[in-house]
Amino acid sequence: MQSGQTIAPMDSTFKLLGGGPTGSAGEVGRLAFALVASVAIVVVAALQRGAAQYGFAVRPVWAEVT
């Protein structure tokens, strides 16, 4: 039985990038990526704090991460 929801066609590029329920990355892949990215941001911020304590010039966190 259908619930009356529209099922739009998925763009193949969007699927390739991991979008939607049928994406190639899957739920575990996206969770792993988010976890690694979060840890990287925390590590960079801690390193920058240490560098600033000793008078080194530091770039914004977004610039370091990218």
C-alpha atoms as a PDB file:
ATOM      1  CA  MET A   1       0.000   0.000   0.000  1.00  0.00           C
ATOM      2  CA  GLN A   2       1.335   3.426  -0.904  1.00  0.00           C
ATOM      3  CA  SER A   3       1.344   6.310   1.532  1.00  0.00           C
ATOM      4  CA  GLY A   4       0.705   9.034  -1.041  1.00  0.00           C
ATOM      5  CA  GLN A   5       4.257  10.426  -1.014  1.00  0.00           C
ATOM      6  CA  THR A   6       5.965  11.570  -4.194  1.00  0.00           C
ATOM      7  CA  ILE A   7       9.002   9.557  -5.225  1.00  0.00           C
ATOM      8  CA  ALA A   8      11.147  11.901  -7.284  1.00  0.00           C
ATOM      9  CA  PRO A   9      13.800  10.506  -9.612  1.00  0.00           C
ATOM     10  CA  MET A  10      17.269  10.626  -8.100  1.00  0.00           C
ATOM     11  CA  ASP A  11      19.995  12.357 -10.093  1.00  0.00           C
ATOM     12  CA  SER A  12      22.842   9.891 -10.757  1.00  0.00           C
ATOM     13  CA  THR A  13      25.506  12.405  -9.640  1.00  0.00           C
ATOM     14  CA  PHE A  14      23.658  12.986  -6.382  1.00  0.00           C
ATOM     15  CA  LYS A  15      23.551   9.221  -5.767  1.00  0.00           C
ATOM     16  CA  LEU A  16      27.275   8.935  -6.515  1.00  0.00           C
ATOM     17  CA  LEU A  17      28.056  11.565  -3.881  1.00  0.00           C
ATOM     18  CA  GLY A  18      26.137   9.571  -1.298  1.00  0.00           C
ATOM     19  CA  GLY A  19      22.841  11.402  -1.330  1.00  0.00           C
ATOM     20  CA  GLY A  20      19.544   9.873  -0.439  1.00  0.00           C
ATOM     21  CA  PRO A  21      18.646   6.433   0.861  1.00  0.00           C
ATOM     22  CA  THR A  22      20.302   4.681  -2.082  1.00  0.00           C
ATOM     23  CA  GLY A  23      23.536   6.660  -1.993  1.00  0.00           C
ATOM     24  CA  SER A  24      26.900   4.980  -2.467  1.00  0.00           C
ATOM     25  CA  ALA A  25      28.400   6.191   0.815  1.00  0.00           C
ATOM     26  CA  GLY A  26      25.753   4.596   2.982  1.00  0.00           C
ATOM     27  CA  GLU A  27      24.872   5.451   6.531  1.00  0.00           C
ATOM     28  CA  VAL A  28      28.067   4.085   8.053  1.00  0.00           C
ATOM     29  CA  GLY A  29      30.241   5.937   5.522  1.00  0.00           C
ATOM     30  CA  ARG A  30      28.593   9.248   6.270  1.00  0.00           C
ATOM     31  CA  LEU A  31      28.888   8.676  10.009  1.00  0.00           C
ATOM     32  CA  ALA A  32      32.571   7.799   9.673  1.00  0.00           C
ATOM     33  CA  PHE A  33      33.210  10.898   7.554  1.00  0.00           C
ATOM     34  CA  ALA A  34      31.451  13.140  10.088  1.00  0.00           C
ATOM     35  CA  LEU A  35      33.430  11.621  12.945  1.00  0.00           C
ATOM     36  CA  VAL A  36      36.784  12.032  11.183  1.00  0.00           C
ATOM     37  CA  ALA A  37      35.956  15.614  10.181  1.00  0.00           C
ATOM     38  CA  SER A  38      34.928  16.505  13.741  1.00  0.00           C
ATOM     39  CA  VAL A  39      38.109  15.038  15.218  1.00  0.00           C
ATOM     40  CA  ALA A  40      40.217  16.883  12.625  1.00  0.00           C
ATOM     41  CA  ILE A  41      38.624  20.205  13.523  1.00  0.00           C
ATOM     42  CA  VAL A  42      39.191  19.651  17.251  1.00  0.00           C
ATOM     43  CA  VAL A  43      42.832  18.657  16.695  1.00  0.00           C
ATOM     44  CA  VAL A  44      43.529  21.668  14.478  1.00  0.00           C
ATOM     45  CA  ALA A  45      41.919  24.006  17.007  1.00  0.00           C
ATOM     46  CA  ALA A  46      44.060  22.551  19.818  1.00  0.00           C
ATOM     47  CA  LEU A  47      47.226  22.895  17.741  1.00  0.00           C
ATOM     48  CA  GLN A  48      46.366  26.478  16.913  1.00  0.00           C
ATOM     49  CA  ARG A  49      45.788  27.301  20.564  1.00  0.00           C
ATOM     50  CA  GLY A  50      49.229  25.942  21.395  1.00  0.00           C
ATOM     51  CA  ALA A  51      50.852  27.848  18.544  1.00  0.00           C
ATOM     52  CA  ALA A  52      49.161  31.094  19.602  1.00  0.00           C
ATOM     53  CA  GLN A  53      50.503  30.650  23.148  1.00  0.00           C
ATOM     54  CA  TYR A  54      54.046  30.768  21.795  1.00  0.00           C
ATOM     55  CA  GLY A  55      53.389  33.771  19.575  1.00  0.00           C
ATOM     56  CA  PHE A  56      53.139  32.046  16.202  1.00  0.00           C
ATOM     57  CA  ALA A  57      50.764  33.473  13.614  1.00  0.00           C
ATOM     58  CA  VAL A  58      47.709  31.250  13.147  1.00  0.00           C
ATOM     59  CA  ARG A  59      45.167  31.044  10.363  1.00  0.00           C
ATOM     60  CA  PRO A  60      41.436  30.542  10.977  1.00  0.00           C
ATOM     61  CA  VAL A  61      40.377  26.944  11.669  1.00  0.00           C
ATOM     62  CA  TRP A  62      38.391  26.766   8.413  1.00  0.00           C
ATOM     63  CA  ALA A  63      41.532  27.675   6.438  1.00  0.00           C
ATOM     64  CA  GLU A  64      43.615  25.043   8.209  1.00  0.00           C
ATOM     65  CA  VAL A  65      41.031  22.292   7.699  1.00  0.00           C
ATOM     66  CA  THR A  66      40.439  23.018   4.038  1.00  0.00           C
END
